[in-house]
């Protein structure tokens, strides 16, 4: 029983580490900022998904209607905006 619990905990930590996002480069951050500004928004924190999808995230972006999370494709085109 203890071994099963230890294995489950270890797998949970490994799964979390594998799904962690990474920092974007300065050039990528500038492109994300430009794309977000085109929607009339600013600020937030920027990350790149590590799953190999090429998806970028701008979290806690401030817009006129509130605070949002924005997802951009590998070409820095916005494809999802969700209210935070």
N, C-alpha and C. Protein backbone atom coordinates (compact mmCIF):
# COMPACT_ATOMS: atom_id res chain seq x y z
N UNK A 1 0.82 -1.19 0.00
CA UNK A 1 0.00 0.00 0.00
C UNK A 1 0.87 1.26 0.00
N UNK A 2 1.90 1.28 0.87
CA UNK A 2 2.79 2.44 0.93
C UNK A 2 3.51 2.65 -0.40
N UNK A 3 3.89 1.55 -1.03
CA UNK A 3 4.60 1.64 -2.30
C UNK A 3 3.68 2.23 -3.38
N UNK A 4 2.42 1.86 -3.36
CA UNK A 4 1.45 2.38 -4.33
C UNK A 4 1.27 3.88 -4.15
N UNK A 5 1.15 4.32 -2.92
CA UNK A 5 0.99 5.76 -2.64
C UNK A 5 2.24 6.52 -3.06
N UNK A 6 3.40 5.99 -2.74
CA UNK A 6 4.65 6.65 -3.11
C UNK A 6 4.78 6.75 -4.63
N UNK A 7 4.39 5.71 -5.34
CA UNK A 7 4.44 5.73 -6.80
C UNK A 7 3.49 6.77 -7.36
N UNK A 8 2.29 6.84 -6.81
CA UNK A 8 1.30 7.82 -7.27
C UNK A 8 1.80 9.25 -7.06
N UNK A 9 2.40 9.50 -5.91
CA UNK A 9 2.93 10.83 -5.62
C UNK A 9 4.08 11.16 -6.57
N UNK A 10 4.96 10.23 -6.81
CA UNK A 10 6.09 10.46 -7.71
C UNK A 10 5.60 10.74 -9.13
N UNK A 11 4.62 10.01 -9.60
CA UNK A 11 4.08 10.24 -10.93
C UNK A 11 3.40 11.59 -11.04
N UNK A 12 2.74 12.01 -9.98
CA UNK A 12 2.10 13.33 -9.97
C UNK A 12 3.14 14.42 -10.12
N UNK A 13 4.26 14.30 -9.42
CA UNK A 13 5.31 15.31 -9.53
C UNK A 13 5.97 15.29 -10.90
N UNK A 14 6.19 14.12 -11.45
CA UNK A 14 6.79 14.02 -12.78
C UNK A 14 5.86 14.59 -13.83
N UNK A 15 4.59 14.33 -13.72
CA UNK A 15 3.62 14.87 -14.66
C UNK A 15 3.56 16.37 -14.60
N UNK A 16 3.65 16.94 -13.42
CA UNK A 16 3.64 18.39 -13.25
C UNK A 16 4.89 19.00 -13.86
N UNK A 17 6.01 18.39 -13.65
CA UNK A 17 7.26 18.92 -14.21
C UNK A 17 7.25 18.87 -15.73
N UNK A 18 6.67 17.82 -16.29
CA UNK A 18 6.63 17.69 -17.74
C UNK A 18 5.71 18.73 -18.37
N UNK A 19 4.72 19.19 -17.64
CA UNK A 19 3.76 20.13 -18.18
C UNK A 19 4.12 21.59 -17.85
N UNK A 20 5.23 21.81 -17.22
CA UNK A 20 5.63 23.17 -16.86
C UNK A 20 5.90 24.00 -18.10
N UNK A 21 5.54 25.27 -18.02
CA UNK A 21 5.80 26.18 -19.13
C UNK A 21 7.18 26.80 -18.97
N UNK A 22 7.72 27.33 -20.05
CA UNK A 22 9.04 27.94 -20.00
C UNK A 22 8.95 29.43 -20.33
N UNK A 23 9.98 30.14 -19.94
CA UNK A 23 10.03 31.57 -20.23
C UNK A 23 10.19 31.79 -21.73
N UNK A 24 9.69 32.94 -22.18
CA UNK A 24 9.84 33.30 -23.58
C UNK A 24 11.09 34.18 -23.74
N UNK A 25 11.61 34.21 -24.95
CA UNK A 25 12.76 35.08 -25.23
C UNK A 25 12.28 36.53 -25.31
N UNK A 26 13.21 37.46 -25.32
CA UNK A 26 12.85 38.87 -25.43
C UNK A 26 12.12 39.15 -26.75
N UNK A 27 12.56 38.51 -27.82
CA UNK A 27 11.91 38.70 -29.13
C UNK A 27 10.49 38.15 -29.12
N UNK A 28 10.29 36.97 -28.50
CA UNK A 28 8.96 36.39 -28.40
C UNK A 28 8.05 37.26 -27.54
N UNK A 29 8.60 37.78 -26.44
CA UNK A 29 7.81 38.65 -25.55
C UNK A 29 7.36 39.90 -26.28
N UNK A 30 8.21 40.46 -27.12
CA UNK A 30 7.85 41.66 -27.87
C UNK A 30 6.71 41.36 -28.85
N UNK A 31 6.75 40.19 -29.49
CA UNK A 31 5.69 39.82 -30.43
C UNK A 31 4.38 39.55 -29.70
N UNK A 32 4.46 38.91 -28.54
CA UNK A 32 3.25 38.66 -27.75
C UNK A 32 2.65 39.99 -27.30
N UNK A 33 3.49 40.87 -26.81
CA UNK A 33 3.03 42.19 -26.35
C UNK A 33 2.34 42.94 -27.49
N UNK A 34 2.90 42.88 -28.68
CA UNK A 34 2.32 43.54 -29.85
C UNK A 34 0.95 42.95 -30.20
N UNK A 35 0.85 41.63 -30.15
CA UNK A 35 -0.42 40.97 -30.47
C UNK A 35 -1.49 41.29 -29.44
N UNK A 36 -1.11 41.32 -28.17
CA UNK A 36 -2.05 41.65 -27.09
C UNK A 36 -2.50 43.11 -27.21
N UNK A 37 -1.57 43.99 -27.55
CA UNK A 37 -1.89 45.42 -27.70
C UNK A 37 -2.86 45.64 -28.86
N UNK A 38 -2.77 44.81 -29.89
CA UNK A 38 -3.69 44.94 -31.03
C UNK A 38 -5.14 44.67 -30.61
N UNK A 39 -5.33 43.95 -29.51
CA UNK A 39 -6.66 43.69 -28.98
C UNK A 39 -7.06 44.74 -27.93
N UNK A 40 -6.20 45.75 -27.74
CA UNK A 40 -6.49 46.81 -26.78
C UNK A 40 -6.17 46.43 -25.35
N UNK A 41 -5.24 45.51 -25.18
CA UNK A 41 -4.88 45.02 -23.85
C UNK A 41 -3.39 45.25 -23.59
N UNK A 42 -3.00 45.10 -22.33
CA UNK A 42 -1.59 45.28 -21.97
C UNK A 42 -1.24 44.49 -20.73
N UNK A 43 0.06 44.37 -20.51
CA UNK A 43 0.56 43.74 -19.30
C UNK A 43 0.49 42.22 -19.35
N UNK A 44 0.55 41.63 -18.19
CA UNK A 44 0.49 40.19 -18.05
C UNK A 44 1.85 39.55 -17.98
N UNK A 45 1.83 38.24 -17.83
CA UNK A 45 3.07 37.46 -17.84
C UNK A 45 3.00 36.52 -19.04
N UNK A 46 4.15 36.27 -19.65
CA UNK A 46 4.20 35.51 -20.88
C UNK A 46 4.96 34.21 -20.69
N UNK A 47 4.41 33.13 -21.26
CA UNK A 47 5.05 31.82 -21.18
C UNK A 47 4.86 31.08 -22.50
N UNK A 48 5.68 30.06 -22.69
CA UNK A 48 5.58 29.19 -23.86
C UNK A 48 5.32 27.77 -23.35
N UNK A 49 4.32 27.11 -23.92
CA UNK A 49 4.04 25.74 -23.52
C UNK A 49 5.18 24.83 -23.96
N UNK A 50 5.50 23.87 -23.13
CA UNK A 50 6.63 22.98 -23.42
C UNK A 50 6.20 21.68 -24.09
N UNK A 51 4.91 21.53 -24.38
CA UNK A 51 4.43 20.29 -24.98
C UNK A 51 4.76 20.19 -26.46
N UNK A 52 5.47 21.17 -27.02
CA UNK A 52 5.83 21.13 -28.42
C UNK A 52 4.73 21.64 -29.34
N UNK A 53 3.73 22.29 -28.79
CA UNK A 53 2.62 22.80 -29.60
C UNK A 53 2.94 24.15 -30.21
N UNK A 54 3.91 24.85 -29.68
CA UNK A 54 4.24 26.19 -30.16
C UNK A 54 3.28 27.24 -29.66
N UNK A 55 2.47 26.90 -28.66
CA UNK A 55 1.48 27.83 -28.12
C UNK A 55 2.12 28.73 -27.06
N UNK A 56 1.79 30.01 -27.15
CA UNK A 56 2.23 30.99 -26.17
C UNK A 56 1.04 31.40 -25.31
N UNK A 57 1.31 31.78 -24.06
CA UNK A 57 0.27 32.23 -23.16
C UNK A 57 0.63 33.60 -22.59
N UNK A 58 -0.36 34.46 -22.54
CA UNK A 58 -0.23 35.74 -21.86
C UNK A 58 -1.28 35.71 -20.76
N UNK A 59 -0.83 35.62 -19.53
CA UNK A 59 -1.75 35.48 -18.40
C UNK A 59 -1.91 36.80 -17.66
N UNK A 60 -3.12 37.01 -17.13
CA UNK A 60 -3.45 38.20 -16.34
C UNK A 60 -3.27 39.49 -17.13
N UNK A 61 -3.69 39.46 -18.38
CA UNK A 61 -3.62 40.63 -19.26
C UNK A 61 -4.78 41.56 -18.91
N UNK A 62 -4.51 42.84 -18.83
CA UNK A 62 -5.54 43.81 -18.49
C UNK A 62 -6.13 44.43 -19.76
N UNK A 63 -7.46 44.35 -19.87
CA UNK A 63 -8.20 44.91 -20.98
C UNK A 63 -9.31 45.80 -20.41
N UNK A 64 -9.99 46.53 -21.26
CA UNK A 64 -11.06 47.40 -20.79
C UNK A 64 -12.13 46.64 -20.03
N UNK A 65 -12.45 45.45 -20.45
CA UNK A 65 -13.52 44.67 -19.83
C UNK A 65 -13.09 43.86 -18.62
N UNK A 66 -11.83 43.93 -18.24
CA UNK A 66 -11.35 43.16 -17.09
C UNK A 66 -10.00 42.53 -17.35
N UNK A 67 -9.76 41.44 -16.65
CA UNK A 67 -8.49 40.74 -16.73
C UNK A 67 -8.70 39.42 -17.48
N UNK A 68 -7.79 39.08 -18.40
CA UNK A 68 -7.96 37.93 -19.26
C UNK A 68 -6.66 37.12 -19.38
N UNK A 69 -6.84 35.88 -19.84
CA UNK A 69 -5.72 35.03 -20.25
C UNK A 69 -5.84 34.89 -21.76
N UNK A 70 -4.72 35.03 -22.46
CA UNK A 70 -4.72 35.01 -23.92
C UNK A 70 -3.78 33.90 -24.39
N UNK A 71 -4.25 33.13 -25.37
CA UNK A 71 -3.41 32.09 -25.96
C UNK A 71 -3.14 32.45 -27.42
N UNK A 72 -1.90 32.30 -27.83
CA UNK A 72 -1.47 32.65 -29.19
C UNK A 72 -0.82 31.43 -29.83
N UNK A 73 -0.98 31.32 -31.15
CA UNK A 73 -0.34 30.21 -31.85
C UNK A 73 1.13 30.53 -32.12
N UNK A 74 1.79 29.63 -32.81
CA UNK A 74 3.24 29.79 -33.06
C UNK A 74 3.56 31.01 -33.92
N UNK A 75 2.54 31.53 -34.62
CA UNK A 75 2.72 32.73 -35.45
C UNK A 75 2.27 33.99 -34.72
N UNK A 76 2.03 33.87 -33.42
CA UNK A 76 1.62 34.98 -32.55
C UNK A 76 0.25 35.55 -32.93
N UNK A 77 -0.63 34.68 -33.40
CA UNK A 77 -2.01 35.05 -33.68
C UNK A 77 -2.87 34.59 -32.50
N UNK A 78 -3.68 35.49 -31.96
CA UNK A 78 -4.55 35.16 -30.83
C UNK A 78 -5.62 34.18 -31.29
N UNK A 79 -5.78 33.07 -30.54
CA UNK A 79 -6.85 32.14 -30.88
C UNK A 79 -7.79 31.85 -29.72
N UNK A 80 -7.44 32.27 -28.50
CA UNK A 80 -8.33 32.12 -27.36
C UNK A 80 -8.12 33.27 -26.40
N UNK A 81 -9.22 33.86 -25.95
CA UNK A 81 -9.19 34.87 -24.89
C UNK A 81 -10.23 34.44 -23.86
N UNK A 82 -9.79 34.24 -22.62
CA UNK A 82 -10.72 33.85 -21.57
C UNK A 82 -10.65 34.83 -20.41
N UNK A 83 -11.82 35.12 -19.85
CA UNK A 83 -11.87 36.04 -18.71
C UNK A 83 -11.27 35.34 -17.52
N UNK A 84 -10.39 36.02 -16.84
CA UNK A 84 -9.68 35.46 -15.69
C UNK A 84 -10.49 35.60 -14.43
